[in-house]
Amino acid sequence: ADDGSILGVSNFERVRDNIIYEAAGRSHCEPQIQPIEVEKIETIDGKIVVAVTVLADFETLHSVAGKYFLRVGSRNEPLTPRELRRLMFSRGEVSFERLACEKVKLEDLDDGLINHYIRKHEERTGRPLNLSTEEFLINLGCAIKKGGETIPTNAGVLLFHEHPQLYLLQSQVLCARFRGTDVIEYLDRKELRGHLPELVNQATRFIKTHMRMGGRITGIERVDYPEYPEVAFREAVTNAVIHRDWSMSGEFIRIFMFDDRVEVMSPGRLLPGITVEAMQKGEVESRLRNPLSVEVFDKIGGYIEKLG
C-alpha cells in the first residue's frame, strides 16, 4: 500500500499467470521478455507476496503496443520519433554512416582521397578492384542509389570529402592547451577541419607541438624522451574519431591538454553490453559503431594498431 504496509495477494496462481502473460509479451510486448521468474513468498503474518525477477538485457529494445517508453521518475513517457531515432543511433542499431547525405553530390567527393584509398586497398589485398568509382563507393557503403541518383552517404562525406564540416559540422575537432591543471586559461586553441584521417593527423601534431620533451645523455649521444608516447595518444585520438556517435549533431570531439594530463573526449555512450567494469577486466568483445570508418582506416594503414 502507499503507506508501506503489505497487502498481499489472495490468489498467487492467477497473479503469476497474469504477470507471465503480460510481462512476457504474449499480448503487448515485442519482442517477448525472456526469461522471467515469478516466486511466491509468504510473509511473517501469513500474507502472500509475489516476487518477479527479470534478467537485465542491455541488448534489446522492447516496444509495448507498438510504442517505446522511457522511465521518467514514476511515469512511463512515450518516446517521440526524434527521441527514438536518437536512441537507435546511440545504440548502434541504426547506422548514421549509411544514411544519405542529401546535400552532397557524388562529384563533390575528392577523387584524390578516393584513389589513395583504392591504391592502398589494392596493395593490401594484392589484386585490382576493377570497379568504377561509383561502384566502389556503393560497395563500400559510402554511396547509395536513391531516386535514380547516386548520393554519398554520411560515411562517404566524412571519409572522402575535403571539407565534410560544410555538411556535418559536428565532425570538427576542438583542441586546447590550458595553463595549469584546469580549464580557466588556455595557451592555444584550434578547431580542426578536414576528412577523418586528416583530423587524426592534425590532432596528433597539436599534441606533439605542446607536449614537453626530456632528454638523457647516453654515451656521447642525447636521447629524447617525449612526455607521452606517440603510439598511445595517436591511438586515443583515432579511437575517438572512428568510434564517436556522429548522430550527435551539437557535440564535438575535444582534446584538452593540461600540465599533468591529456583528455580525449568523444561524444556518445558505450554500446549496449559494454561497461567500464567489463573493460577494466578485459572481458569486452570488440563492437563497432562505425564499421565503414574502421574499414577505411584499417586499409589505409598507419592508424589502427590492432583490430579489436
C-alpha atoms as a PDB file:
ATOM      1  CA  ALA A   1       0.000   0.000   0.000  1.00  0.00           C
ATOM      2  CA  ASP A   2       1.066   3.655  -0.307  1.00  0.00           C
ATOM      3  CA  ASP A   3       1.774   3.788   3.425  1.00  0.00           C
ATOM      4  CA  GLY A   4       4.229   0.882   3.175  1.00  0.00           C
ATOM      5  CA  SER A   5       2.014  -1.805   4.684  1.00  0.00           C
ATOM      6  CA  ILE A   6       1.869  -5.196   2.981  1.00  0.00           C
ATOM      7  CA  LEU A   7      -1.498  -6.090   1.434  1.00  0.00           C
ATOM      8  CA  GLY A   8      -0.508  -9.361  -0.230  1.00  0.00           C
ATOM      9  CA  VAL A   9      -2.432 -11.214  -2.926  1.00  0.00           C
ATOM     10  CA  SER A  10      -5.310 -13.623  -2.483  1.00  0.00           C
ATOM     11  CA  ASN A  11      -4.628 -15.922  -5.459  1.00  0.00           C
ATOM     12  CA  PHE A  12      -0.956 -16.438  -6.278  1.00  0.00           C
ATOM     13  CA  GLU A  13      -1.554 -18.706  -9.290  1.00  0.00           C
ATOM     14  CA  ARG A  14      -3.799 -16.174 -11.028  1.00  0.00           C
ATOM     15  CA  VAL A  15      -1.382 -13.305 -10.372  1.00  0.00           C
ATOM     16  CA  ARG A  16       1.555 -15.396 -11.567  1.00  0.00           C
ATOM     17  CA  ASP A  17      -0.203 -16.339 -14.793  1.00  0.00           C
ATOM     18  CA  ASN A  18      -1.226 -12.733 -15.462  1.00  0.00           C
ATOM     19  CA  ILE A  19       2.315 -11.475 -14.882  1.00  0.00           C
ATOM     20  CA  ILE A  20       3.844 -14.073 -17.172  1.00  0.00           C
ATOM     21  CA  TYR A  21       1.217 -13.437 -19.850  1.00  0.00           C
ATOM     22  CA  GLU A  22       1.610  -9.659 -19.797  1.00  0.00           C
ATOM     23  CA  ALA A  23       5.296  -9.206 -18.970  1.00  0.00           C
ATOM     24  CA  ALA A  24       6.495 -11.954 -21.278  1.00  0.00           C
ATOM     25  CA  GLY A  25       4.850 -10.035 -24.086  1.00  0.00           C
ATOM     26  CA  ARG A  26       2.266 -12.524 -25.310  1.00  0.00           C
ATOM     27  CA  SER A  27      -0.236  -9.712 -25.615  1.00  0.00           C
ATOM     28  CA  HIS A  28       1.675  -6.412 -25.811  1.00  0.00           C
ATOM     29  CA  CYS A  29       5.467  -6.609 -25.617  1.00  0.00           C
ATOM     30  CA  GLU A  30       7.616  -7.110 -28.709  1.00  0.00           C
ATOM     31  CA  PRO A  31       9.937  -8.938 -28.625  1.00  0.00           C
ATOM     32  CA  GLN A  32       8.898 -11.077 -25.675  1.00  0.00           C
ATOM     33  CA  ILE A  33      10.791 -10.696 -22.413  1.00  0.00           C
ATOM     34  CA  GLN A  34      12.562 -13.925 -21.593  1.00  0.00           C
ATOM     35  CA  PRO A  35      13.329 -15.412 -19.173  1.00  0.00           C
ATOM     36  CA  ILE A  36      11.153 -14.265 -16.262  1.00  0.00           C
ATOM     37  CA  GLU A  37      10.816 -15.811 -12.795  1.00  0.00           C
ATOM     38  CA  VAL A  38       7.781 -15.458 -10.515  1.00  0.00           C
ATOM     39  CA  GLU A  39       8.157 -16.569  -6.894  1.00  0.00           C
ATOM     40  CA  LYS A  40       5.674 -16.994  -4.075  1.00  0.00           C
ATOM     41  CA  ILE A  41       6.844 -15.515  -0.763  1.00  0.00           C
ATOM     42  CA  GLU A  42       4.879 -15.844   2.483  1.00  0.00           C
ATOM     43  CA  THR A  43       5.329 -13.016   4.994  1.00  0.00           C
ATOM     44  CA  ILE A  44       5.553 -13.431   8.770  1.00  0.00           C
ATOM     45  CA  ASP A  45       1.873 -12.596   9.190  1.00  0.00           C
ATOM     46  CA  GLY A  46       0.855 -15.159   6.560  1.00  0.00           C
ATOM     47  CA  LYS A  47       0.220 -12.778   3.665  1.00  0.00           C
ATOM     48  CA  ILE A  48       1.442 -13.773   0.199  1.00  0.00           C
ATOM     49  CA  VAL A  49       3.808 -11.536  -1.777  1.00  0.00           C
ATOM     50  CA  VAL A  50       4.782 -12.125  -5.407  1.00  0.00           C
ATOM     51  CA  ALA A  51       8.440 -11.540  -6.353  1.00  0.00           C
ATOM     52  CA  VAL A  52       9.162 -11.050 -10.067  1.00  0.00           C
ATOM     53  CA  THR A  53      12.716 -11.302 -11.438  1.00  0.00           C
ATOM     54  CA  VAL A  54      13.662 -10.279 -14.969  1.00  0.00           C
ATOM     55  CA  LEU A  55      17.277 -10.656 -16.075  1.00  0.00           C
ATOM     56  CA  ALA A  56      18.976  -7.461 -17.249  1.00  0.00           C
ATOM     57  CA  ASP A  57      19.092  -7.159 -21.036  1.00  0.00           C
ATOM     58  CA  PHE A  58      21.036  -4.221 -22.454  1.00  0.00           C
ATOM     59  CA  GLU A  59      20.938  -5.595 -25.997  1.00  0.00           C
ATOM     60  CA  THR A  60      17.234  -5.447 -26.816  1.00  0.00           C
ATOM     61  CA  LEU A  61      14.748  -2.625 -27.279  1.00  0.00           C
ATOM     62  CA  HIS A  62      11.208  -3.687 -26.338  1.00  0.00           C
ATOM     63  CA  SER A  63       8.062  -1.976 -27.567  1.00  0.00           C
ATOM     64  CA  VAL A  64       4.710  -2.069 -25.804  1.00  0.00           C
ATOM     65  CA  ALA A  65       1.663  -1.991 -28.059  1.00  0.00           C
ATOM     66  CA  GLY A  66       3.867  -0.586 -30.825  1.00  0.00           C
ATOM     67  CA  LYS A  67       5.339   2.246 -28.716  1.00  0.00           C
ATOM     68  CA  TYR A  68       8.667   2.737 -26.949  1.00  0.00           C
ATOM     69  CA  PHE A  69       8.774   4.236 -23.471  1.00  0.00           C
ATOM     70  CA  LEU A  70      11.316   5.914 -21.208  1.00  0.00           C
ATOM     71  CA  ARG A  71      11.042   5.754 -17.429  1.00  0.00           C
ATOM     72  CA  VAL A  72      10.893   9.310 -16.037  1.00  0.00           C
ATOM     73  CA  GLY A  73      10.503   9.351 -12.257  1.00  0.00           C
ATOM     74  CA  SER A  74       7.382   7.286 -11.553  1.00  0.00           C
ATOM     75  CA  ARG A  75       5.960   7.623 -15.083  1.00  0.00           C
ATOM     76  CA  ASN A  76       6.464   5.883 -18.405  1.00  0.00           C
ATOM     77  CA  GLU A  77       6.843   8.569 -21.073  1.00  0.00           C
ATOM     78  CA  PRO A  78       6.418   7.564 -24.744  1.00  0.00           C
ATOM     79  CA  LEU A  79       9.418   8.435 -26.895  1.00  0.00           C
ATOM     80  CA  THR A  80       8.864  10.878 -29.735  1.00  0.00           C
ATOM     81  CA  PRO A  81      10.014   9.758 -33.215  1.00  0.00           C
ATOM     82  CA  ARG A  82      13.020  12.076 -32.850  1.00  0.00           C
ATOM     83  CA  GLU A  83      13.942  10.607 -29.452  1.00  0.00           C
ATOM     84  CA  LEU A  84      13.515   7.048 -30.730  1.00  0.00           C
ATOM     85  CA  ARG A  85      15.710   7.772 -33.756  1.00  0.00           C
ATOM     86  CA  ARG A  86      18.344   9.261 -31.469  1.00  0.00           C
ATOM     87  CA  LEU A  87      18.208   6.203 -29.212  1.00  0.00           C
ATOM     88  CA  MET A  88      18.618   3.852 -32.178  1.00  0.00           C
ATOM     89  CA  PHE A  89      21.696   5.781 -33.338  1.00  0.00           C
ATOM     90  CA  SER A  90      23.271   5.811 -29.864  1.00  0.00           C
ATOM     91  CA  ARG A  91      22.842   2.039 -29.533  1.00  0.00           C
ATOM     92  CA  GLY A  92      24.255   1.358 -32.976  1.00  0.00           C
ATOM     93  CA  GLU A  93      21.003  -0.249 -34.167  1.00  0.00           C
ATOM     94  CA  VAL A  94      20.606   2.303 -36.962  1.00  0.00           C
ATOM     95  CA  SER A  95      23.723   3.263 -38.914  1.00  0.00           C
ATOM     96  CA  PHE A  96      24.328   7.001 -39.250  1.00  0.00           C
ATOM     97  CA  GLU A  97      27.193   6.160 -41.584  1.00  0.00           C
ATOM     98  CA  ARG A  98      24.894   4.607 -44.201  1.00  0.00           C
ATOM     99  CA  LEU A  99      22.319   7.407 -44.318  1.00  0.00           C
ATOM    100  CA  ALA A 100      22.346   9.531 -47.481  1.00  0.00           C
ATOM    101  CA  CYS A 101      23.904  12.979 -47.087  1.00  0.00           C
ATOM    102  CA  GLU A 102      21.260  14.685 -49.212  1.00  0.00           C
ATOM    103  CA  LYS A 103      23.053  17.994 -49.826  1.00  0.00           C
ATOM    104  CA  VAL A 104      26.159  16.418 -51.361  1.00  0.00           C
ATOM    105  CA  LYS A 105      26.605  15.162 -54.911  1.00  0.00           C
ATOM    106  CA  LEU A 106      28.849  12.271 -55.869  1.00  0.00           C
ATOM    107  CA  GLU A 107      31.164  14.556 -57.854  1.00  0.00           C
ATOM    108  CA  ASP A 108      31.703  16.651 -54.697  1.00  0.00           C
ATOM    109  CA  LEU A 109      33.826  13.870 -53.202  1.00  0.00           C
ATOM    110  CA  ASP A 110      37.583  14.210 -53.599  1.00  0.00           C
ATOM    111  CA  ASP A 111      38.990  11.960 -56.342  1.00  0.00           C
ATOM    112  CA  GLY A 112      42.463  12.134 -54.800  1.00  0.00           C
ATOM    113  CA  LEU A 113      41.240  10.735 -51.464  1.00  0.00           C
ATOM    114  CA  ILE A 114      39.209   8.016 -53.178  1.00  0.00           C
ATOM    115  CA  ASN A 115      42.096   6.957 -55.432  1.00  0.00           C
ATOM    116  CA  HIS A 116      44.512   6.931 -52.496  1.00  0.00           C
ATOM    117  CA  TYR A 117      42.244   4.531 -50.632  1.00  0.00           C
ATOM    118  CA  ILE A 118      41.789   2.325 -53.704  1.00  0.00           C
ATOM    119  CA  ARG A 119      45.583   2.085 -54.149  1.00  0.00           C
ATOM    120  CA  LYS A 120      46.056   1.149 -50.504  1.00  0.00           C
ATOM    121  CA  HIS A 121      43.244  -1.386 -50.740  1.00  0.00           C
ATOM    122  CA  GLU A 122      44.801  -2.995 -53.802  1.00  0.00           C
ATOM    123  CA  GLU A 123      48.211  -3.087 -52.118  1.00  0.00           C
ATOM    124  CA  ARG A 124      46.765  -4.788 -49.024  1.00  0.00           C
ATOM    125  CA  THR A 125      44.721  -7.358 -50.974  1.00  0.00           C
ATOM    126  CA  GLY A 126      47.192  -7.890 -53.836  1.00  0.00           C
ATOM    127  CA  ARG A 127      44.538  -7.634 -56.530  1.00  0.00           C
ATOM    128  CA  PRO A 128      42.888  -4.806 -58.518  1.00  0.00           C
ATOM    129  CA  LEU A 129      39.339  -3.725 -57.671  1.00  0.00           C
ATOM    130  CA  ASN A 130      38.259  -3.393 -61.313  1.00  0.00           C
ATOM    131  CA  LEU A 131      35.337  -1.179 -60.332  1.00  0.00           C
ATOM    132  CA  SER A 132      34.247   2.269 -61.364  1.00  0.00           C
ATOM    133  CA  THR A 133      34.417   4.952 -58.666  1.00  0.00           C
ATOM    134  CA  GLU A 134      30.641   4.852 -58.315  1.00  0.00           C
ATOM    135  CA  GLU A 135      30.529   1.068 -57.982  1.00  0.00           C
ATOM    136  CA  PHE A 136      33.383   1.117 -55.489  1.00  0.00           C
ATOM    137  CA  LEU A 137      31.683   3.711 -53.256  1.00  0.00           C
ATOM    138  CA  ILE A 138      28.358   1.858 -53.348  1.00  0.00           C
ATOM    139  CA  ASN A 139      30.013  -1.466 -52.465  1.00  0.00           C
ATOM    140  CA  LEU A 140      31.903   0.177 -49.617  1.00  0.00           C
ATOM    141  CA  GLY A 141      28.728   1.763 -48.214  1.00  0.00           C
ATOM    142  CA  CYS A 142      29.907   5.303 -48.927  1.00  0.00           C
ATOM    143  CA  ALA A 143      27.209   5.950 -51.556  1.00  0.00           C
ATOM    144  CA  ILE A 144      23.674   4.696 -52.230  1.00  0.00           C
ATOM    145  CA  LYS A 145      21.184   4.718 -55.070  1.00  0.00           C
ATOM    146  CA  LYS A 146      18.217   6.959 -54.327  1.00  0.00           C
ATOM    147  CA  GLY A 147      15.589   8.100 -56.805  1.00  0.00           C
ATOM    148  CA  GLY A 148      17.706   7.097 -59.761  1.00  0.00           C
ATOM    149  CA  GLU A 149      20.670   9.127 -58.466  1.00  0.00           C
ATOM    150  CA  THR A 150      23.805   8.020 -56.644  1.00  0.00           C
ATOM    151  CA  ILE A 151      24.216  10.025 -53.419  1.00  0.00           C
ATOM    152  CA  PRO A 152      27.133   9.926 -50.965  1.00  0.00           C
ATOM    153  CA  THR A 153      26.351   8.596 -47.511  1.00  0.00           C
ATOM    154  CA  ASN A 154      27.471  10.340 -44.328  1.00  0.00           C
ATOM    155  CA  ALA A 155      30.448   7.958 -44.233  1.00  0.00           C
ATOM    156  CA  GLY A 156      31.356   8.912 -47.793  1.00  0.00           C
ATOM    157  CA  VAL A 157      31.351  12.598 -46.878  1.00  0.00           C
ATOM    158  CA  LEU A 158      33.305  12.100 -43.645  1.00  0.00           C
ATOM    159  CA  LEU A 159      35.961   9.954 -45.311  1.00  0.00           C
ATOM    160  CA  PHE A 160      36.251  11.281 -48.857  1.00  0.00           C
ATOM    161  CA  HIS A 161      35.138  14.923 -48.854  1.00  0.00           C
ATOM    162  CA  GLU A 162      37.857  17.517 -48.427  1.00  0.00           C
ATOM    163  CA  HIS A 163      35.611  19.687 -46.207  1.00  0.00           C
ATOM    164  CA  PRO A 164      32.951  17.476 -44.542  1.00  0.00           C
ATOM    165  CA  GLN A 165      32.328  20.164 -41.916  1.00  0.00           C
ATOM    166  CA  LEU A 166      30.349  22.109 -44.541  1.00  0.00           C
ATOM    167  CA  TYR A 167      27.617  19.491 -44.198  1.00  0.00           C
ATOM    168  CA  LEU A 168      28.390  17.732 -40.902  1.00  0.00           C
ATOM    169  CA  LEU A 169      29.539  20.496 -38.571  1.00  0.00           C
ATOM    170  CA  GLN A 170      29.919  18.058 -35.675  1.00  0.00           C
ATOM    171  CA  SER A 171      32.899  16.473 -37.448  1.00  0.00           C
ATOM    172  CA  GLN A 172      35.328  19.208 -36.434  1.00  0.00           C
ATOM    173  CA  VAL A 173      37.706  18.513 -33.544  1.00  0.00           C
ATOM    174  CA  LEU A 174      38.338  21.083 -30.806  1.00  0.00           C
ATOM    175  CA  CYS A 175      41.872  21.180 -29.361  1.00  0.00           C
ATOM    176  CA  ALA A 176      43.107  23.327 -26.488  1.00  0.00           C
ATOM    177  CA  ARG A 177      46.290  23.610 -24.420  1.00  0.00           C
ATOM    178  CA  PHE A 178      45.483  25.027 -20.989  1.00  0.00           C
ATOM    179  CA  ARG A 179      47.773  26.677 -18.479  1.00  0.00           C
ATOM    180  CA  GLY A 180      47.976  24.604 -15.306  1.00  0.00           C
ATOM    181  CA  THR A 181      45.581  21.778 -14.469  1.00  0.00           C
ATOM    182  CA  ASP A 182      42.138  23.323 -15.105  1.00  0.00           C
ATOM    183  CA  VAL A 183      40.231  24.996 -17.948  1.00  0.00           C
ATOM    184  CA  ILE A 184      40.416  28.598 -16.723  1.00  0.00           C
ATOM    185  CA  GLU A 185      43.063  29.891 -19.161  1.00  0.00           C
ATOM    186  CA  TYR A 186      44.211  28.412 -22.442  1.00  0.00           C
ATOM    187  CA  LEU A 187      47.527  28.992 -24.185  1.00  0.00           C
ATOM    188  CA  ASP A 188      46.470  27.729 -27.597  1.00  0.00           C
ATOM    189  CA  ARG A 189      43.195  26.696 -29.196  1.00  0.00           C
ATOM    190  CA  LYS A 190      42.402  25.210 -32.602  1.00  0.00           C
ATOM    191  CA  GLU A 191      39.314  23.992 -34.448  1.00  0.00           C
ATOM    192  CA  LEU A 192      40.473  21.186 -36.717  1.00  0.00           C
ATOM    193  CA  ARG A 193      38.702  20.546 -40.018  1.00  0.00           C
ATOM    194  CA  GLY A 194      39.104  18.022 -42.814  1.00  0.00           C
ATOM    195  CA  HIS A 195      38.281  14.400 -43.613  1.00  0.00           C
ATOM    196  CA  LEU A 196      38.620  11.882 -40.786  1.00  0.00           C
ATOM    197  CA  PRO A 197      42.209  10.654 -41.363  1.00  0.00           C
ATOM    198  CA  GLU A 198      43.354  14.271 -41.682  1.00  0.00           C
ATOM    199  CA  LEU A 199      41.672  15.095 -38.355  1.00  0.00           C
ATOM    200  CA  VAL A 200      43.750  12.381 -36.668  1.00  0.00           C
ATOM    201  CA  ASN A 201      46.926  13.750 -38.276  1.00  0.00           C
ATOM    202  CA  GLN A 202      46.190  17.343 -37.211  1.00  0.00           C
ATOM    203  CA  ALA A 203      45.243  16.347 -33.655  1.00  0.00           C
ATOM    204  CA  THR A 204      48.405  14.271 -33.345  1.00  0.00           C
ATOM    205  CA  ARG A 205      50.529  17.232 -34.476  1.00  0.00           C
ATOM    206  CA  PHE A 206      48.769  19.511 -31.966  1.00  0.00           C
ATOM    207  CA  ILE A 207      49.625  17.184 -29.066  1.00  0.00           C
ATOM    208  CA  LYS A 208      53.225  16.733 -30.236  1.00  0.00           C
ATOM    209  CA  THR A 209      53.646  20.508 -30.554  1.00  0.00           C
ATOM    210  CA  HIS A 210      52.536  21.176 -26.984  1.00  0.00           C
ATOM    211  CA  MET A 211      53.951  18.254 -25.041  1.00  0.00           C
ATOM    212  CA  ARG A 212      57.263  18.513 -23.225  1.00  0.00           C
ATOM    213  CA  MET A 213      60.414  16.693 -24.211  1.00  0.00           C
ATOM    214  CA  GLY A 214      63.013  15.340 -21.812  1.00  0.00           C
ATOM    215  CA  GLY A 215      66.484  14.102 -22.629  1.00  0.00           C
ATOM    216  CA  ARG A 216      69.332  11.962 -21.367  1.00  0.00           C
ATOM    217  CA  ILE A 217      72.942  11.647 -22.482  1.00  0.00           C
ATOM    218  CA  THR A 218      73.741   8.030 -23.304  1.00  0.00           C
ATOM    219  CA  GLY A 219      77.413   7.715 -24.148  1.00  0.00           C
ATOM    220  CA  ILE A 220      78.073  10.640 -26.459  1.00  0.00           C
ATOM    221  CA  GLU A 221      74.519  10.909 -27.806  1.00  0.00           C
ATOM    222  CA  ARG A 222      71.456  12.641 -26.444  1.00  0.00           C
ATOM    223  CA  VAL A 223      68.284  10.508 -26.338  1.00  0.00           C
ATOM    224  CA  ASP A 224      64.980  12.402 -26.245  1.00  0.00           C
ATOM    225  CA  TYR A 225      62.057  11.173 -24.145  1.00  0.00           C
ATOM    226  CA  PRO A 226      58.641  12.621 -25.023  1.00  0.00           C
ATOM    227  CA  GLU A 227      56.184  13.366 -22.237  1.00  0.00           C
ATOM    228  CA  TYR A 228      53.700  10.921 -23.777  1.00  0.00           C
ATOM    229  CA  PRO A 229      54.401   8.043 -26.192  1.00  0.00           C
ATOM    230  CA  GLU A 230      53.040   8.908 -29.620  1.00  0.00           C
ATOM    231  CA  VAL A 231      51.604   5.436 -30.154  1.00  0.00           C
ATOM    232  CA  ALA A 232      49.388   5.950 -27.088  1.00  0.00           C
ATOM    233  CA  PHE A 233      47.882   9.361 -27.824  1.00  0.00           C
ATOM    234  CA  ARG A 234      47.564   8.632 -31.547  1.00  0.00           C
ATOM    235  CA  GLU A 235      45.585   5.509 -30.693  1.00  0.00           C
ATOM    236  CA  ALA A 236      43.365   7.520 -28.328  1.00  0.00           C
ATOM    237  CA  VAL A 237      42.669  10.161 -30.983  1.00  0.00           C
ATOM    238  CA  THR A 238      41.998   7.531 -33.668  1.00  0.00           C
ATOM    239  CA  ASN A 239      39.548   5.711 -31.391  1.00  0.00           C
ATOM    240  CA  ALA A 240      37.754   8.967 -30.632  1.00  0.00           C
ATOM    241  CA  VAL A 241      37.335   9.717 -34.341  1.00  0.00           C
ATOM    242  CA  ILE A 242      36.259   6.299 -35.614  1.00  0.00           C
ATOM    243  CA  HIS A 243      34.028   5.310 -32.668  1.00  0.00           C
ATOM    244  CA  ARG A 244      32.174   8.533 -31.854  1.00  0.00           C
ATOM    245  CA  ASP A 245      28.406   8.856 -32.244  1.00  0.00           C
ATOM    246  CA  TRP A 246      28.168  11.051 -35.347  1.00  0.00           C
ATOM    247  CA  SER A 247      24.408  11.487 -34.938  1.00  0.00           C
ATOM    248  CA  MET A 248      25.041  13.871 -32.003  1.00  0.00           C
ATOM    249  CA  SER A 249      24.988  16.988 -34.151  1.00  0.00           C
ATOM    250  CA  GLY A 250      25.718  19.553 -31.441  1.00  0.00           C
ATOM    251  CA  GLU A 251      28.794  17.938 -29.902  1.00  0.00           C
ATOM    252  CA  PHE A 252      32.454  17.725 -30.909  1.00  0.00           C
ATOM    253  CA  ILE A 253      35.473  15.596 -30.158  1.00  0.00           C
ATOM    254  CA  ARG A 254      37.566  17.557 -27.662  1.00  0.00           C
ATOM    255  CA  ILE A 255      41.268  17.190 -26.924  1.00  0.00           C
ATOM    256  CA  PHE A 256      42.343  19.127 -23.846  1.00  0.00           C
ATOM    257  CA  MET A 257      45.982  19.303 -22.743  1.00  0.00           C
ATOM    258  CA  PHE A 258      46.974  20.304 -19.206  1.00  0.00           C
ATOM    259  CA  ASP A 259      50.258  20.426 -17.332  1.00  0.00           C
ATOM    260  CA  ASP A 260      49.639  16.947 -15.922  1.00  0.00           C
ATOM    261  CA  ARG A 261      47.422  15.124 -18.436  1.00  0.00           C
ATOM    262  CA  VAL A 262      45.756  14.915 -21.837  1.00  0.00           C
ATOM    263  CA  GLU A 263      41.992  14.373 -22.055  1.00  0.00           C
ATOM    264  CA  VAL A 264      40.397  12.977 -25.220  1.00  0.00           C
ATOM    265  CA  MET A 265      36.593  13.194 -25.131  1.00  0.00           C
ATOM    266  CA  SER A 266      34.432  11.515 -27.761  1.00  0.00           C
ATOM    267  CA  PRO A 267      30.633  12.080 -27.898  1.00  0.00           C
ATOM    268  CA  GLY A 268      28.409   9.059 -27.423  1.00  0.00           C
ATOM    269  CA  ARG A 269      27.562   6.384 -24.891  1.00  0.00           C
ATOM    270  CA  LEU A 270      29.090   2.946 -24.679  1.00  0.00           C
ATOM    271  CA  LEU A 271      27.278   0.465 -26.907  1.00  0.00           C
ATOM    272  CA  PRO A 272      24.872  -1.957 -25.160  1.00  0.00           C
ATOM    273  CA  GLY A 273      26.634  -4.779 -23.376  1.00  0.00           C
ATOM    274  CA  ILE A 274      29.843  -2.771 -22.846  1.00  0.00           C
ATOM    275  CA  THR A 275      30.602  -1.382 -19.393  1.00  0.00           C
ATOM    276  CA  VAL A 276      33.631   0.308 -17.862  1.00  0.00           C
ATOM    277  CA  GLU A 277      33.875  -2.513 -15.309  1.00  0.00           C
ATOM    278  CA  ALA A 278      33.957  -5.169 -18.039  1.00  0.00           C
ATOM    279  CA  MET A 279      36.592  -3.206 -19.962  1.00  0.00           C
ATOM    280  CA  GLN A 280      38.777  -2.973 -16.883  1.00  0.00           C
ATOM    281  CA  LYS A 281      38.629  -6.768 -16.564  1.00  0.00           C
ATOM    282  CA  GLY A 282      39.364  -7.283 -20.265  1.00  0.00           C
ATOM    283  CA  GLU A 283      36.042  -9.073 -20.743  1.00  0.00           C
ATOM    284  CA  VAL A 284      34.593  -6.958 -23.565  1.00  0.00           C
ATOM    285  CA  GLU A 285      34.264  -8.160 -27.144  1.00  0.00           C
ATOM    286  CA  SER A 286      35.001  -5.541 -29.799  1.00  0.00           C
ATOM    287  CA  ARG A 287      31.879  -3.807 -31.137  1.00  0.00           C
ATOM    288  CA  LEU A 288      31.923  -1.202 -33.883  1.00  0.00           C
ATOM    289  CA  ARG A 289      29.551   1.745 -34.048  1.00  0.00           C
ATOM    290  CA  ASN A 290      31.066   2.910 -37.346  1.00  0.00           C
ATOM    291  CA  PRO A 291      32.323  -0.178 -39.219  1.00  0.00           C
ATOM    292  CA  LEU A 292      32.755   1.690 -42.535  1.00  0.00           C
ATOM    293  CA  SER A 293      35.166   4.182 -40.958  1.00  0.00           C
ATOM    294  CA  VAL A 294      37.083   1.367 -39.279  1.00  0.00           C
ATOM    295  CA  GLU A 295      37.366  -0.461 -42.625  1.00  0.00           C
ATOM    296  CA  VAL A 296      38.805   2.600 -44.379  1.00  0.00           C
ATOM    297  CA  PHE A 297      41.254   3.424 -41.579  1.00  0.00           C
ATOM    298  CA  ASP A 298      42.420  -0.186 -41.495  1.00  0.00           C
ATOM    299  CA  LYS A 299      43.010  -0.386 -45.258  1.00  0.00           C
ATOM    300  CA  ILE A 300      44.838   2.973 -45.371  1.00  0.00           C
ATOM    301  CA  GLY A 301      47.272   1.701 -42.732  1.00  0.00           C
ATOM    302  CA  GLY A 302      49.173   3.560 -40.035  1.00  0.00           C
ATOM    303  CA  TYR A 303      46.159   4.379 -37.835  1.00  0.00           C
ATOM    304  CA  ILE A 304      44.825   1.182 -36.282  1.00  0.00           C
ATOM    305  CA  GLU A 305      47.421  -0.853 -34.421  1.00  0.00           C
ATOM    306  CA  LYS A 306      45.227  -3.889 -33.906  1.00  0.00           C
ATOM    307  CA  LEU A 307      41.628  -4.523 -34.933  1.00  0.00           C
ATOM    308  CA  GLY A 308      39.526  -5.491 -31.909  1.00  0.00           C
END
